Amino acid sequence: MIEKSYVFTRTDAQTVEKIVDDERVNINHIVVEPGKSVVTHVSNSYVHQIVVRGTLSLSLEDGAFHHHPAGSIVSVPFNQKMSIQNQGTETLEFFVVKAPNPRDMPQVKKIV
């Protein structure tokens, strides 16, 4: 078998799981319950967020929140302060594709 298959959790509960971590890419699966958020952090690679359920509310560099519904792919540049929230009433589920793998990227800025 040439291909490799990966499994992710099917849930409505708050979840952050690393699915793929190889020499080319890092892929995470994230589920955010209504009214909850992901810890504010800095993008440690070039990031693409693929929204599969709910609406992703994203603020970069403490700016206004922009809302990205299911079916959206959101690109975030390297080294950006990110706040991700689920401001909706439906569970938010999305995948984060980081390329290159963050371990091959320079250090990111510190946030306070």
C-alpha atoms as a PDB file:
ATOM      1  CA  MET A   1       0.000   0.000   0.000  1.00  0.00           C
ATOM      2  CA  ILE A   2       1.522   3.302  -1.093  1.00  0.00           C
ATOM      3  CA  GLU A   3      -0.960   5.681   0.508  1.00  0.00           C
ATOM      4  CA  LYS A   4      -1.138   6.396   4.212  1.00  0.00           C
ATOM      5  CA  SER A   5      -4.461   6.896   5.964  1.00  0.00           C
ATOM      6  CA  TYR A   6      -5.038   9.156   8.975  1.00  0.00           C
ATOM      7  CA  VAL A   7      -7.960   9.169  11.382  1.00  0.00           C
ATOM      8  CA  PHE A   8      -9.430  12.138  13.227  1.00  0.00           C
ATOM      9  CA  THR A   9     -11.948  12.247  16.069  1.00  0.00           C
ATOM     10  CA  ARG A  10     -15.625  12.790  15.204  1.00  0.00           C
ATOM     11  CA  THR A  11     -16.987  14.774  18.151  1.00  0.00           C
ATOM     12  CA  ASP A  12     -18.800  17.913  19.293  1.00  0.00           C
ATOM     13  CA  ALA A  13     -16.507  18.241  22.325  1.00  0.00           C
ATOM     14  CA  GLN A  14     -13.604  20.724  22.487  1.00  0.00           C
ATOM     15  CA  THR A  15     -10.707  18.996  20.691  1.00  0.00           C
ATOM     16  CA  VAL A  16      -7.232  19.843  19.399  1.00  0.00           C
ATOM     17  CA  GLU A  17      -5.388  16.946  17.797  1.00  0.00           C
ATOM     18  CA  LYS A  18      -2.319  16.647  15.599  1.00  0.00           C
ATOM     19  CA  ILE A  19      -3.185  14.397  12.665  1.00  0.00           C
ATOM     20  CA  VAL A  20      -0.111  14.622  10.413  1.00  0.00           C
ATOM     21  CA  ASP A  21       3.397  15.672  11.427  1.00  0.00           C
ATOM     22  CA  ASP A  22       5.922  14.773   8.755  1.00  0.00           C
ATOM     23  CA  GLU A  23       8.845  16.439   6.997  1.00  0.00           C
ATOM     24  CA  ARG A  24       6.599  18.443   4.649  1.00  0.00           C
ATOM     25  CA  VAL A  25       3.442  19.405   6.509  1.00  0.00           C
ATOM     26  CA  ASN A  26       1.661  19.592   9.844  1.00  0.00           C
ATOM     27  CA  ILE A  27      -2.124  19.066   9.905  1.00  0.00           C
ATOM     28  CA  ASN A  28      -4.260  19.614  12.997  1.00  0.00           C
ATOM     29  CA  HIS A  29      -7.960  18.984  13.598  1.00  0.00           C
ATOM     30  CA  ILE A  30      -9.764  21.390  15.927  1.00  0.00           C
ATOM     31  CA  VAL A  31     -13.299  21.379  17.335  1.00  0.00           C
ATOM     32  CA  VAL A  32     -14.534  24.404  19.298  1.00  0.00           C
ATOM     33  CA  GLU A  33     -17.772  24.381  21.251  1.00  0.00           C
ATOM     34  CA  PRO A  34     -20.129  27.386  20.968  1.00  0.00           C
ATOM     35  CA  GLY A  35     -18.891  30.304  23.092  1.00  0.00           C
ATOM     36  CA  LYS A  36     -15.397  28.815  23.485  1.00  0.00           C
ATOM     37  CA  SER A  37     -12.051  29.670  21.889  1.00  0.00           C
ATOM     38  CA  VAL A  38      -8.593  28.419  20.993  1.00  0.00           C
ATOM     39  CA  VAL A  39      -5.703  29.789  23.080  1.00  0.00           C
ATOM     40  CA  THR A  40      -4.371  32.986  21.470  1.00  0.00           C
ATOM     41  CA  HIS A  41      -1.099  32.192  19.722  1.00  0.00           C
ATOM     42  CA  VAL A  42       1.231  33.204  16.871  1.00  0.00           C
ATOM     43  CA  SER A  43       1.111  31.409  13.515  1.00  0.00           C
ATOM     44  CA  ASN A  44       4.282  29.336  13.441  1.00  0.00           C
ATOM     45  CA  SER A  45       4.143  28.600   9.693  1.00  0.00           C
ATOM     46  CA  TYR A  46       2.047  29.527   6.666  1.00  0.00           C
ATOM     47  CA  VAL A  47      -1.392  28.396   7.777  1.00  0.00           C
ATOM     48  CA  HIS A  48      -4.533  27.380   5.888  1.00  0.00           C
ATOM     49  CA  GLN A  49      -7.657  26.823   7.992  1.00  0.00           C
ATOM     50  CA  ILE A  50     -10.300  24.668   6.318  1.00  0.00           C
ATOM     51  CA  VAL A  51     -13.691  25.244   7.956  1.00  0.00           C
ATOM     52  CA  VAL A  52     -15.917  22.156   7.701  1.00  0.00           C
ATOM     53  CA  ARG A  53     -18.609  22.993  10.256  1.00  0.00           C
ATOM     54  CA  GLY A  54     -19.838  26.157  11.976  1.00  0.00           C
ATOM     55  CA  THR A  55     -18.255  29.597  11.609  1.00  0.00           C
ATOM     56  CA  LEU A  56     -14.651  30.441  12.463  1.00  0.00           C
ATOM     57  CA  SER A  57     -14.260  33.909  14.027  1.00  0.00           C
ATOM     58  CA  LEU A  58     -10.675  35.093  13.516  1.00  0.00           C
ATOM     59  CA  SER A  59      -8.815  38.178  14.739  1.00  0.00           C
ATOM     60  CA  LEU A  60      -5.263  38.836  13.553  1.00  0.00           C
ATOM     61  CA  GLU A  61      -2.942  41.203  15.413  1.00  0.00           C
ATOM     62  CA  ASP A  62      -5.776  42.284  17.773  1.00  0.00           C
ATOM     63  CA  GLY A  63      -7.861  43.531  14.842  1.00  0.00           C
ATOM     64  CA  ALA A  64     -11.575  43.093  14.309  1.00  0.00           C
ATOM     65  CA  PHE A  65     -12.980  39.571  14.131  1.00  0.00           C
ATOM     66  CA  HIS A  66     -13.836  38.312  10.654  1.00  0.00           C
ATOM     67  CA  HIS A  67     -16.279  35.419  10.294  1.00  0.00           C
ATOM     68  CA  HIS A  68     -15.616  32.488   7.965  1.00  0.00           C
ATOM     69  CA  PRO A  69     -18.444  29.952   7.489  1.00  0.00           C
ATOM     70  CA  ALA A  70     -18.199  26.245   6.673  1.00  0.00           C
ATOM     71  CA  GLY A  71     -16.805  25.783   3.187  1.00  0.00           C
ATOM     72  CA  SER A  72     -14.191  28.532   3.653  1.00  0.00           C
ATOM     73  CA  ILE A  73     -10.424  28.164   3.467  1.00  0.00           C
ATOM     74  CA  VAL A  74      -8.640  30.938   5.344  1.00  0.00           C
ATOM     75  CA  SER A  75      -4.957  31.693   4.718  1.00  0.00           C
ATOM     76  CA  VAL A  76      -2.922  33.243   7.551  1.00  0.00           C
ATOM     77  CA  PRO A  77       0.652  34.467   6.990  1.00  0.00           C
ATOM     78  CA  PHE A  78       3.579  33.374   9.136  1.00  0.00           C
ATOM     79  CA  ASN A  79       4.204  35.129  12.494  1.00  0.00           C
ATOM     80  CA  GLN A  80       0.736  36.635  13.036  1.00  0.00           C
ATOM     81  CA  LYS A  81      -0.953  36.878  16.442  1.00  0.00           C
ATOM     82  CA  MET A  82      -4.199  34.906  16.107  1.00  0.00           C
ATOM     83  CA  SER A  83      -7.354  34.780  18.197  1.00  0.00           C
ATOM     84  CA  ILE A  84      -9.846  32.103  17.163  1.00  0.00           C
ATOM     85  CA  GLN A  85     -13.311  31.943  18.651  1.00  0.00           C
ATOM     86  CA  ASN A  86     -16.605  30.197  18.081  1.00  0.00           C
ATOM     87  CA  GLN A  87     -18.988  33.111  18.422  1.00  0.00           C
ATOM     88  CA  GLY A  88     -21.841  31.114  16.891  1.00  0.00           C
ATOM     89  CA  THR A  89     -24.395  28.648  18.242  1.00  0.00           C
ATOM     90  CA  GLU A  90     -23.164  25.675  16.171  1.00  0.00           C
ATOM     91  CA  THR A  91     -20.041  23.603  16.877  1.00  0.00           C
ATOM     92  CA  LEU A  92     -17.008  24.881  14.940  1.00  0.00           C
ATOM     93  CA  GLU A  93     -14.804  22.269  13.273  1.00  0.00           C
ATOM     94  CA  PHE A  94     -11.792  22.996  11.097  1.00  0.00           C
ATOM     95  CA  PHE A  95      -8.486  21.612   9.920  1.00  0.00           C
ATOM     96  CA  VAL A  96      -5.235  23.570  10.069  1.00  0.00           C
ATOM     97  CA  VAL A  97      -2.657  22.852   7.372  1.00  0.00           C
ATOM     98  CA  LYS A  98       0.799  24.250   8.135  1.00  0.00           C
ATOM     99  CA  ALA A  99       3.425  24.181   5.422  1.00  0.00           C
ATOM    100  CA  PRO A 100       6.284  23.967   5.736  1.00  0.00           C
ATOM    101  CA  ASN A 101       6.195  22.040   8.984  1.00  0.00           C
ATOM    102  CA  PRO A 102       6.665  24.559  11.847  1.00  0.00           C
ATOM    103  CA  ARG A 103       9.774  22.764  13.072  1.00  0.00           C
ATOM    104  CA  ASP A 104      11.502  24.033   9.904  1.00  0.00           C
ATOM    105  CA  MET A 105      10.466  27.663  10.484  1.00  0.00           C
ATOM    106  CA  PRO A 106      12.216  30.474  12.394  1.00  0.00           C
ATOM    107  CA  GLN A 107      11.161  31.438  15.922  1.00  0.00           C
ATOM    108  CA  VAL A 108       7.951  33.451  16.152  1.00  0.00           C
ATOM    109  CA  LYS A 109       7.417  36.654  18.075  1.00  0.00           C
ATOM    110  CA  LYS A 110       6.322  36.547  21.716  1.00  0.00           C
ATOM    111  CA  ILE A 111       2.870  37.749  22.717  1.00  0.00           C
ATOM    112  CA  VAL A 112       1.923  39.286  26.028  1.00  0.00           C
END
